[in-house]
Amino acid sequence: FSAQKERHISVRVRSTRPPAEAILRPLTDTTAEVELLSPEEGVSP
């Protein structure tokens, strides 16, 4: 999990939602920024 690569993946932000297209940008070995190609409602910490 390298901080130097950008990955096109699908993500699920709730168990009841289908996976959505996203870009995964690693920041460290255990943190990242996920950019959803289409905004999702109700994403919760």
All heavy atoms as atom14 arrays in JSON, in Angstrom:
{
  "sequence": "FSAQKERHISVRVRSTRPPAEAILRPLTDTTAEVELLSPEEGVSP",
  "atom14_mask": [
    [1, 1, 1, 1, 1, 1, 1, 1, 1, 1, 1, 0, 0, 0],
    [1, 1, 1, 1, 1, 1, 0, 0, 0, 0, 0, 0, 0, 0],
    [1, 1, 1, 1, 1, 0, 0, 0, 0, 0, 0, 0, 0, 0],
    [1, 1, 1, 1, 1, 1, 1, 1, 1, 0, 0, 0, 0, 0],
    [1, 1, 1, 1, 1, 1, 1, 1, 1, 0, 0, 0, 0, 0],
    [1, 1, 1, 1, 1, 1, 1, 1, 1, 0, 0, 0, 0, 0],
    [1, 1, 1, 1, 1, 1, 1, 1, 1, 1, 1, 0, 0, 0],
    [1, 1, 1, 1, 1, 1, 1, 1, 1, 1, 0, 0, 0, 0],
    [1, 1, 1, 1, 1, 1, 1, 1, 0, 0, 0, 0, 0, 0],
    [1, 1, 1, 1, 1, 1, 0, 0, 0, 0, 0, 0, 0, 0],
    [1, 1, 1, 1, 1, 1, 1, 0, 0, 0, 0, 0, 0, 0],
    [1, 1, 1, 1, 1, 1, 1, 1, 1, 1, 1, 0, 0, 0],
    [1, 1, 1, 1, 1, 1, 1, 0, 0, 0, 0, 0, 0, 0],
    [1, 1, 1, 1, 1, 1, 1, 1, 1, 1, 1, 0, 0, 0],
    [1, 1, 1, 1, 1, 1, 0, 0, 0, 0, 0, 0, 0, 0],
    [1, 1, 1, 1, 1, 1, 1, 0, 0, 0, 0, 0, 0, 0],
    [1, 1, 1, 1, 1, 1, 1, 1, 1, 1, 1, 0, 0, 0],
    [1, 1, 1, 1, 1, 1, 1, 0, 0, 0, 0, 0, 0, 0],
    [1, 1, 1, 1, 1, 1, 1, 0, 0, 0, 0, 0, 0, 0],
    [1, 1, 1, 1, 1, 0, 0, 0, 0, 0, 0, 0, 0, 0],
    [1, 1, 1, 1, 1, 1, 1, 1, 1, 0, 0, 0, 0, 0],
    [1, 1, 1, 1, 1, 0, 0, 0, 0, 0, 0, 0, 0, 0],
    [1, 1, 1, 1, 1, 1, 1, 1, 0, 0, 0, 0, 0, 0],
    [1, 1, 1, 1, 1, 1, 1, 1, 0, 0, 0, 0, 0, 0],
    [1, 1, 1, 1, 1, 1, 1, 1, 1, 1, 1, 0, 0, 0],
    [1, 1, 1, 1, 1, 1, 1, 0, 0, 0, 0, 0, 0, 0],
    [1, 1, 1, 1, 1, 1, 1, 1, 0, 0, 0, 0, 0, 0],
    [1, 1, 1, 1, 1, 1, 1, 0, 0, 0, 0, 0, 0, 0],
    [1, 1, 1, 1, 1, 1, 1, 1, 0, 0, 0, 0, 0, 0],
    [1, 1, 1, 1, 1, 1, 1, 0, 0, 0, 0, 0, 0, 0],
    [1, 1, 1, 1, 1, 1, 1, 0, 0, 0, 0, 0, 0, 0],
    [1, 1, 1, 1, 1, 0, 0, 0, 0, 0, 0, 0, 0, 0],
    [1, 1, 1, 1, 1, 1, 1, 1, 1, 0, 0, 0, 0, 0],
    [1, 1, 1, 1, 1, 1, 1, 0, 0, 0, 0, 0, 0, 0],
    [1, 1, 1, 1, 1, 1, 1, 1, 1, 0, 0, 0, 0, 0],
    [1, 1, 1, 1, 1, 1, 1, 1, 0, 0, 0, 0, 0, 0],
    [1, 1, 1, 1, 1, 1, 1, 1, 0, 0, 0, 0, 0, 0],
    [1, 1, 1, 1, 1, 1, 0, 0, 0, 0, 0, 0, 0, 0],
    [1, 1, 1, 1, 1, 1, 1, 0, 0, 0, 0, 0, 0, 0],
    [1, 1, 1, 1, 1, 1, 1, 1, 1, 0, 0, 0, 0, 0],
    [1, 1, 1, 1, 1, 1, 1, 1, 1, 0, 0, 0, 0, 0],
    [1, 1, 1, 1, 0, 0, 0, 0, 0, 0, 0, 0, 0, 0],
    [1, 1, 1, 1, 1, 1, 1, 0, 0, 0, 0, 0, 0, 0],
    [1, 1, 1, 1, 1, 1, 0, 0, 0, 0, 0, 0, 0, 0],
    [1, 1, 1, 1, 1, 1, 1, 0, 0, 0, 0, 0, 0, 0]
  ],
  "atom14_positions": [
    [[0.86, -1.17, 0.0], [0.0, 0.0, 0.0], [0.91, 1.24, 0.0], [1.3, 1.76, 1.03], [-0.92, -0.03, 1.22], [-2.01, 1.01, 1.17], [-3.03, 0.9, 0.25], [-2.02, 2.08, 2.05], [-4.04, 1.85, 0.19], [-3.03, 3.03, 2.0], [-4.04, 2.91, 1.08], [0.0, 0.0, 0.0], [0.0, 0.0, 0.0], [0.0, 0.0, 0.0]],
    [[1.24, 1.7, -1.16], [2.24, 2.76, -1.3], [1.59, 4.13, -1.36], [0.52, 4.31, -1.93], [3.05, 2.52, -2.58], [3.82, 3.65, -2.91], [0.0, 0.0, 0.0], [0.0, 0.0, 0.0], [0.0, 0.0, 0.0], [0.0, 0.0, 0.0], [0.0, 0.0, 0.0], [0.0, 0.0, 0.0], [0.0, 0.0, 0.0], [0.0, 0.0, 0.0]],
    [[2.26, 5.09, -0.77], [1.75, 6.47, -0.8], [2.01, 7.14, -2.14], [1.7, 8.31, -2.32], [2.39, 7.27, 0.33], [0.0, 0.0, 0.0], [0.0, 0.0, 0.0], [0.0, 0.0, 0.0], [0.0, 0.0, 0.0], [0.0, 0.0, 0.0], [0.0, 0.0, 0.0], [0.0, 0.0, 0.0], [0.0, 0.0, 0.0], [0.0, 0.0, 0.0]],
    [[2.57, 6.44, -3.09], [2.94, 7.05, -4.36], [2.06, 6.63, -5.52], [2.3, 7.01, -6.66], [4.4, 6.7, -4.68], [5.37, 7.18, -3.6], [6.79, 6.72, -3.86], [7.11, 6.24, -4.93], [7.64, 6.89, -2.86], [0.0, 0.0, 0.0], [0.0, 0.0, 0.0], [0.0, 0.0, 0.0], [0.0, 0.0, 0.0], [0.0, 0.0, 0.0]],
    [[1.03, 5.82, -5.23], [0.2, 5.33, -6.32], [-1.25, 5.76, -6.13], [-1.75, 5.87, -5.02], [0.26, 3.8, -6.4], [1.62, 3.27, -6.86], [1.56, 1.75, -6.98], [2.9, 1.19, -7.46], [2.86, -0.28, -7.56], [0.0, 0.0, 0.0], [0.0, 0.0, 0.0], [0.0, 0.0, 0.0], [0.0, 0.0, 0.0], [0.0, 0.0, 0.0]],
    [[-1.91, 5.96, -7.24], [-3.34, 6.27, -7.26], [-4.06, 5.09, -7.89], [-3.64, 4.59, -8.93], [-3.56, 7.54, -8.08], [-4.98, 8.02, -8.13], [-5.09, 9.35, -8.88], [-4.78, 10.4, -8.28], [-5.45, 9.32, -10.07], [0.0, 0.0, 0.0], [0.0, 0.0, 0.0], [0.0, 0.0, 0.0], [0.0, 0.0, 0.0], [0.0, 0.0, 0.0]],
    [[-5.11, 4.62, -7.25], [-5.78, 3.41, -7.72], [-7.25, 3.69, -8.01], [-7.94, 4.32, -7.2], [-5.69, 2.3, -6.68], [-4.27, 1.95, -6.26], [-4.29, 1.0, -5.07], [-2.95, 0.84, -4.52], [-2.09, -0.09, -4.91], [-2.43, -0.94, -5.86], [-0.89, -0.18, -4.37], [0.0, 0.0, 0.0], [0.0, 0.0, 0.0], [0.0, 0.0, 0.0]],
    [[-7.73, 3.2, -9.1], [-9.15, 3.25, -9.41], [-9.79, 1.99, -8.85], [-9.43, 0.87, -9.25], [-9.37, 3.36, -10.92], [-9.06, 4.71, -11.47], [-10.01, 5.68, -11.72], [-7.87, 5.29, -11.77], [-9.43, 6.78, -12.17], [-8.13, 6.57, -12.21], [0.0, 0.0, 0.0], [0.0, 0.0, 0.0], [0.0, 0.0, 0.0], [0.0, 0.0, 0.0]],
    [[-10.71, 2.15, -7.92], [-11.35, 1.03, -7.25], [-12.85, 1.29, -7.13], [-13.35, 2.31, -7.62], [-10.76, 0.81, -5.84], [-10.98, 2.07, -4.97], [-9.28, 0.44, -5.9], [-10.64, 1.86, -3.51], [0.0, 0.0, 0.0], [0.0, 0.0, 0.0], [0.0, 0.0, 0.0], [0.0, 0.0, 0.0], [0.0, 0.0, 0.0], [0.0, 0.0, 0.0]],
    [[-13.54, 0.39, -6.49], [-14.92, 0.62, -6.05], [-14.91, 0.6, -4.52], [-14.1, -0.11, -3.91], [-15.86, -0.46, -6.58], [-15.93, -0.42, -7.98], [0.0, 0.0, 0.0], [0.0, 0.0, 0.0], [0.0, 0.0, 0.0], [0.0, 0.0, 0.0], [0.0, 0.0, 0.0], [0.0, 0.0, 0.0], [0.0, 0.0, 0.0], [0.0, 0.0, 0.0]],
    [[-15.77, 1.38, -3.92], [-15.83, 1.42, -2.46], [-17.28, 1.31, -1.99], [-18.2, 1.73, -2.68], [-15.2, 2.71, -1.87], [-13.75, 2.82, -2.26], [-15.99, 3.95, -2.27], [0.0, 0.0, 0.0], [0.0, 0.0, 0.0], [0.0, 0.0, 0.0], [0.0, 0.0, 0.0], [0.0, 0.0, 0.0], [0.0, 0.0, 0.0], [0.0, 0.0, 0.0]],
    [[-17.43, 0.75, -0.8], [-18.73, 0.7, -0.15], [-18.59, 1.46, 1.16], [-17.72, 1.16, 1.97], [-19.14, -0.75, 0.1], [-20.5, -0.92, 0.76], [-20.87, -2.39, 0.84], [-21.49, -2.85, -0.38], [-21.52, -4.11, -0.78], [-20.9, -5.04, -0.08], [-22.13, -4.44, -1.9], [0.0, 0.0, 0.0], [0.0, 0.0, 0.0], [0.0, 0.0, 0.0]],
    [[-19.44, 2.48, 1.37], [-19.34, 3.31, 2.57], [-20.41, 2.98, 3.6], [-20.4, 3.53, 4.7], [-19.39, 4.81, 2.2], [-18.17, 5.21, 1.4], [-20.67, 5.15, 1.44], [0.0, 0.0, 0.0], [0.0, 0.0, 0.0], [0.0, 0.0, 0.0], [0.0, 0.0, 0.0], [0.0, 0.0, 0.0], [0.0, 0.0, 0.0], [0.0, 0.0, 0.0]],
    [[-21.32, 2.08, 3.25], [-22.29, 1.53, 4.19], [-22.6, 0.11, 3.75], [-22.57, -0.19, 2.56], [-23.57, 2.36, 4.25], [-23.44, 3.64, 5.05], [-24.78, 4.24, 5.36], [-24.66, 5.46, 6.15], [-25.67, 6.21, 6.52], [-26.89, 5.87, 6.18], [-25.49, 7.3, 7.26], [0.0, 0.0, 0.0], [0.0, 0.0, 0.0], [0.0, 0.0, 0.0]],
    [[-22.97, -0.72, 4.71], [-23.2, -2.13, 4.37], [-24.38, -2.3, 3.43], [-24.45, -3.27, 2.67], [-23.45, -2.94, 5.65], [-24.61, -2.47, 6.33], [0.0, 0.0, 0.0], [0.0, 0.0, 0.0], [0.0, 0.0, 0.0], [0.0, 0.0, 0.0], [0.0, 0.0, 0.0], [0.0, 0.0, 0.0], [0.0, 0.0, 0.0], [0.0, 0.0, 0.0]],
    [[-25.32, -1.35, 3.46], [-26.54, -1.47, 2.66], [-26.41, -0.84, 1.28], [-27.36, -0.87, 0.5], [-27.71, -0.81, 3.4], [-27.35, 0.54, 3.72], [-28.03, -1.56, 4.68], [0.0, 0.0, 0.0], [0.0, 0.0, 0.0], [0.0, 0.0, 0.0], [0.0, 0.0, 0.0], [0.0, 0.0, 0.0], [0.0, 0.0, 0.0], [0.0, 0.0, 0.0]],
    [[-25.26, -0.27, 0.97], [-25.1, 0.4, -0.32], [-24.23, -0.42, -1.26], [-23.31, -1.09, -0.83], [-24.45, 1.78, -0.12], [-25.33, 2.7, 0.7], [-25.05, 4.14, 0.39], [-25.9, 5.01, 1.19], [-25.59, 6.25, 1.48], [-24.43, 6.75, 1.08], [-26.4, 7.0, 2.19], [0.0, 0.0, 0.0], [0.0, 0.0, 0.0], [0.0, 0.0, 0.0]],
    [[-24.51, -0.34, -2.56], [-23.66, -1.06, -3.51], [-22.32, -0.34, -3.66], [-22.22, 0.86, -3.36], [-24.46, -0.98, -4.81], [-25.3, 0.25, -4.67], [-25.64, 0.36, -3.22], [0.0, 0.0, 0.0], [0.0, 0.0, 0.0], [0.0, 0.0, 0.0], [0.0, 0.0, 0.0], [0.0, 0.0, 0.0], [0.0, 0.0, 0.0], [0.0, 0.0, 0.0]],
    [[-21.28, -1.05, -4.1], [-20.0, -0.39, -4.33], [-20.12, 0.72, -5.37], [-20.86, 0.6, -6.35], [-19.1, -1.53, -4.83], [-19.74, -2.77, -4.31], [-21.22, -2.5, -4.32], [0.0, 0.0, 0.0], [0.0, 0.0, 0.0], [0.0, 0.0, 0.0], [0.0, 0.0, 0.0], [0.0, 0.0, 0.0], [0.0, 0.0, 0.0], [0.0, 0.0, 0.0]],
    [[-19.39, 1.82, -5.13], [-19.41, 2.96, -6.04], [-18.0, 3.23, -6.55], [-17.01, 2.99, -5.86], [-19.93, 4.2, -5.29], [0.0, 0.0, 0.0], [0.0, 0.0, 0.0], [0.0, 0.0, 0.0], [0.0, 0.0, 0.0], [0.0, 0.0, 0.0], [0.0, 0.0, 0.0], [0.0, 0.0, 0.0], [0.0, 0.0, 0.0], [0.0, 0.0, 0.0]],
    [[-17.9, 3.75, -7.76], [-16.6, 4.04, -8.35], [-15.87, 5.13, -7.57], [-16.49, 6.11, -7.13], [-16.77, 4.5, -9.8], [-17.22, 3.43, -10.76], [-17.25, 3.98, -12.18], [-16.2, 3.97, -12.86], [-18.34, 4.42, -12.6], [0.0, 0.0, 0.0], [0.0, 0.0, 0.0], [0.0, 0.0, 0.0], [0.0, 0.0, 0.0], [0.0, 0.0, 0.0]],
    [[-14.56, 4.95, -7.41], [-13.79, 5.9, -6.62], [-12.31, 5.85, -7.02], [-11.86, 4.93, -7.71], [-13.94, 5.6, -5.13], [0.0, 0.0, 0.0], [0.0, 0.0, 0.0], [0.0, 0.0, 0.0], [0.0, 0.0, 0.0], [0.0, 0.0, 0.0], [0.0, 0.0, 0.0], [0.0, 0.0, 0.0], [0.0, 0.0, 0.0], [0.0, 0.0, 0.0]],
    [[-11.59, 6.85, -6.56], [-10.14, 6.89, -6.71], [-9.55, 6.83, -5.31], [-9.94, 7.6, -4.42], [-9.68, 8.17, -7.43], [-10.25, 8.22, -8.84], [-8.15, 8.24, -7.47], [-10.01, 9.54, -9.55], [0.0, 0.0, 0.0], [0.0, 0.0, 0.0], [0.0, 0.0, 0.0], [0.0, 0.0, 0.0], [0.0, 0.0, 0.0], [0.0, 0.0, 0.0]],
    [[-8.63, 5.91, -5.1], [-7.96, 5.73, -3.82], [-6.57, 6.35, -3.89], [-5.76, 5.98, -4.74], [-7.85, 4.24, -3.48], [-7.04, 3.84, -2.24], [-7.71, 4.37, -0.98], [-6.89, 2.33, -2.17], [0.0, 0.0, 0.0], [0.0, 0.0, 0.0], [0.0, 0.0, 0.0], [0.0, 0.0, 0.0], [0.0, 0.0, 0.0], [0.0, 0.0, 0.0]],
    [[-6.32, 7.3, -2.99], [-5.02, 7.97, -2.95], [-4.36, 7.7, -1.6], [-4.71, 8.34, -0.59], [-5.18, 9.47, -3.17], [-5.76, 9.84, -4.53], [-5.7, 11.34, -4.79], [-6.2, 11.65, -6.12], [-7.47, 12.0, -6.38], [-8.36, 12.09, -5.39], [-7.85, 12.25, -7.62], [0.0, 0.0, 0.0], [0.0, 0.0, 0.0], [0.0, 0.0, 0.0]],
    [[-3.42, 6.75, -1.54], [-2.73, 6.47, -0.28], [-1.94, 7.69, 0.2], [-1.31, 8.39, -0.6], [-1.8, 5.31, -0.65], [-2.42, 4.69, -1.86], [-3.03, 5.82, -2.61], [0.0, 0.0, 0.0], [0.0, 0.0, 0.0], [0.0, 0.0, 0.0], [0.0, 0.0, 0.0], [0.0, 0.0, 0.0], [0.0, 0.0, 0.0], [0.0, 0.0, 0.0]],
    [[-1.98, 7.94, 1.5], [-1.21, 9.04, 2.1], [-0.06, 8.5, 2.94], [1.05, 9.03, 2.89], [-2.14, 9.9, 2.96], [-3.34, 10.53, 2.23], [-4.23, 11.28, 3.22], [-2.87, 11.47, 1.12], [0.0, 0.0, 0.0], [0.0, 0.0, 0.0], [0.0, 0.0, 0.0], [0.0, 0.0, 0.0], [0.0, 0.0, 0.0], [0.0, 0.0, 0.0]],
    [[-0.34, 7.46, 3.73], [0.69, 6.76, 4.49], [0.4, 5.27, 4.35], [-0.48, 4.88, 3.58], [0.68, 7.15, 5.98], [-0.51, 6.62, 6.6], [0.71, 8.67, 6.17], [0.0, 0.0, 0.0], [0.0, 0.0, 0.0], [0.0, 0.0, 0.0], [0.0, 0.0, 0.0], [0.0, 0.0, 0.0], [0.0, 0.0, 0.0], [0.0, 0.0, 0.0]],
    [[1.07, 4.43, 5.14], [0.81, 3.0, 5.07], [-0.58, 2.64, 5.58], [-1.09, 1.55, 5.28], [1.86, 2.23, 5.9], [3.22, 2.22, 5.21], [3.26, 2.49, 3.99], [4.21, 1.94, 5.89], [0.0, 0.0, 0.0], [0.0, 0.0, 0.0], [0.0, 0.0, 0.0], [0.0, 0.0, 0.0], [0.0, 0.0, 0.0], [0.0, 0.0, 0.0]],
    [[-1.22, 3.52, 6.36], [-2.51, 3.18, 6.96], [-3.57, 4.27, 6.8], [-4.64, 4.18, 7.37], [-2.36, 2.9, 8.47], [-1.78, 4.05, 9.1], [-1.48, 1.68, 8.71], [0.0, 0.0, 0.0], [0.0, 0.0, 0.0], [0.0, 0.0, 0.0], [0.0, 0.0, 0.0], [0.0, 0.0, 0.0], [0.0, 0.0, 0.0], [0.0, 0.0, 0.0]],
    [[-3.28, 5.33, 6.0], [-4.27, 6.38, 5.78], [-4.37, 6.67, 4.28], [-3.43, 6.44, 3.52], [-3.92, 7.69, 6.52], [-2.68, 8.19, 6.02], [-3.83, 7.46, 8.01], [0.0, 0.0, 0.0], [0.0, 0.0, 0.0], [0.0, 0.0, 0.0], [0.0, 0.0, 0.0], [0.0, 0.0, 0.0], [0.0, 0.0, 0.0], [0.0, 0.0, 0.0]],
    [[-5.53, 7.19, 3.89], [-5.74, 7.49, 2.48], [-6.87, 8.49, 2.32], [-7.64, 8.75, 3.27], [-6.07, 6.22, 1.7], [0.0, 0.0, 0.0], [0.0, 0.0, 0.0], [0.0, 0.0, 0.0], [0.0, 0.0, 0.0], [0.0, 0.0, 0.0], [0.0, 0.0, 0.0], [0.0, 0.0, 0.0], [0.0, 0.0, 0.0], [0.0, 0.0, 0.0]],
    [[-6.96, 9.05, 1.13], [-8.09, 9.88, 0.73], [-8.82, 9.14, -0.37], [-8.19, 8.65, -1.32], [-7.6, 11.23, 0.22], [-8.7, 12.14, -0.3], [-8.15, 13.4, -0.92], [-7.95, 14.38, -0.17], [-7.89, 13.41, -2.14], [0.0, 0.0, 0.0], [0.0, 0.0, 0.0], [0.0, 0.0, 0.0], [0.0, 0.0, 0.0], [0.0, 0.0, 0.0]],
    [[-10.13, 9.02, -0.23], [-10.95, 8.37, -1.24], [-11.82, 9.43, -1.9], [-12.53, 10.18, -1.22], [-11.84, 7.27, -0.62], [-12.86, 6.75, -1.63], [-10.98, 6.12, -0.1], [0.0, 0.0, 0.0], [0.0, 0.0, 0.0], [0.0, 0.0, 0.0], [0.0, 0.0, 0.0], [0.0, 0.0, 0.0], [0.0, 0.0, 0.0], [0.0, 0.0, 0.0]],
    [[-11.73, 9.52, -3.21], [-12.56, 10.46, -3.97], [-13.63, 9.69, -4.71], [-13.34, 8.85, -5.57], [-11.72, 11.26, -4.96], [-12.55, 12.24, -5.77], [-11.76, 12.96, -6.85], [-10.52, 12.92, -6.82], [-12.4, 13.55, -7.74], [0.0, 0.0, 0.0], [0.0, 0.0, 0.0], [0.0, 0.0, 0.0], [0.0, 0.0, 0.0], [0.0, 0.0, 0.0]],
    [[-14.88, 9.95, -4.37], [-16.0, 9.3, -5.04], [-16.27, 10.0, -6.37], [-16.31, 11.24, -6.43], [-17.26, 9.38, -4.16], [-17.17, 8.71, -2.78], [-18.41, 9.07, -1.96], [-17.05, 7.21, -2.93], [0.0, 0.0, 0.0], [0.0, 0.0, 0.0], [0.0, 0.0, 0.0], [0.0, 0.0, 0.0], [0.0, 0.0, 0.0], [0.0, 0.0, 0.0]],
    [[-16.45, 9.24, -7.44], [-16.72, 9.85, -8.72], [-18.12, 10.48, -8.75], [-18.35, 11.45, -9.46], [-16.57, 8.82, -9.84], [-15.18, 8.19, -9.98], [-15.07, 7.44, -11.31], [-14.07, 9.24, -9.87], [0.0, 0.0, 0.0], [0.0, 0.0, 0.0], [0.0, 0.0, 0.0], [0.0, 0.0, 0.0], [0.0, 0.0, 0.0], [0.0, 0.0, 0.0]],
    [[-19.03, 9.91, -7.97], [-20.36, 10.5, -7.78], [-20.58, 10.67, -6.29], [-20.4, 9.72, -5.52], [-21.45, 9.6, -8.35], [-21.28, 9.44, -9.75], [0.0, 0.0, 0.0], [0.0, 0.0, 0.0], [0.0, 0.0, 0.0], [0.0, 0.0, 0.0], [0.0, 0.0, 0.0], [0.0, 0.0, 0.0], [0.0, 0.0, 0.0], [0.0, 0.0, 0.0]],
    [[-20.97, 11.87, -5.83], [-21.12, 12.1, -4.38], [-22.14, 11.15, -3.76], [-23.11, 10.74, -4.39], [-21.62, 13.55, -4.32], [-21.21, 14.17, -5.6], [-21.27, 13.07, -6.63], [0.0, 0.0, 0.0], [0.0, 0.0, 0.0], [0.0, 0.0, 0.0], [0.0, 0.0, 0.0], [0.0, 0.0, 0.0], [0.0, 0.0, 0.0], [0.0, 0.0, 0.0]],
    [[-21.87, 10.76, -2.51], [-22.78, 9.91, -1.73], [-23.35, 10.73, -0.59], [-22.67, 11.59, -0.02], [-22.02, 8.71, -1.17], [-21.61, 7.7, -2.21], [-22.46, 6.44, -2.17], [-23.4, 6.39, -1.35], [-22.17, 5.54, -2.96], [0.0, 0.0, 0.0], [0.0, 0.0, 0.0], [0.0, 0.0, 0.0], [0.0, 0.0, 0.0], [0.0, 0.0, 0.0]],
    [[-24.6, 10.42, -0.22], [-25.22, 11.1, 0.92], [-25.07, 10.27, 2.19], [-25.08, 9.05, 2.15], [-26.71, 11.35, 0.64], [-26.96, 12.34, -0.48], [-28.44, 12.61, -0.68], [-29.25, 11.91, -0.01], [-28.79, 13.48, -1.48], [0.0, 0.0, 0.0], [0.0, 0.0, 0.0], [0.0, 0.0, 0.0], [0.0, 0.0, 0.0], [0.0, 0.0, 0.0]],
    [[-24.94, 10.98, 3.32], [-24.96, 10.31, 4.61], [-23.69, 9.58, 4.97], [-23.72, 8.67, 5.81], [0.0, 0.0, 0.0], [0.0, 0.0, 0.0], [0.0, 0.0, 0.0], [0.0, 0.0, 0.0], [0.0, 0.0, 0.0], [0.0, 0.0, 0.0], [0.0, 0.0, 0.0], [0.0, 0.0, 0.0], [0.0, 0.0, 0.0], [0.0, 0.0, 0.0]],
    [[-22.55, 9.93, 4.37], [-21.28, 9.32, 4.76], [-20.95, 9.79, 6.17], [-20.91, 10.98, 6.45], [-20.15, 9.71, 3.78], [-18.82, 9.16, 4.25], [-20.48, 9.22, 2.37], [0.0, 0.0, 0.0], [0.0, 0.0, 0.0], [0.0, 0.0, 0.0], [0.0, 0.0, 0.0], [0.0, 0.0, 0.0], [0.0, 0.0, 0.0], [0.0, 0.0, 0.0]],
    [[-20.7, 8.84, 7.08], [-20.58, 9.19, 8.49], [-19.27, 8.71, 9.09], [-18.87, 7.56, 8.86], [-21.75, 8.58, 9.26], [-21.61, 8.8, 10.65], [0.0, 0.0, 0.0], [0.0, 0.0, 0.0], [0.0, 0.0, 0.0], [0.0, 0.0, 0.0], [0.0, 0.0, 0.0], [0.0, 0.0, 0.0], [0.0, 0.0, 0.0], [0.0, 0.0, 0.0]],
    [[-18.59, 9.55, 9.88], [-17.43, 9.07, 10.65], [-17.81, 7.88, 11.51], [-18.91, 7.83, 12.07], [-17.06, 10.28, 11.51], [-17.6, 11.46, 10.78], [-18.87, 10.98, 10.13], [0.0, 0.0, 0.0], [0.0, 0.0, 0.0], [0.0, 0.0, 0.0], [0.0, 0.0, 0.0], [0.0, 0.0, 0.0], [0.0, 0.0, 0.0], [0.0, 0.0, 0.0]]
  ]
}
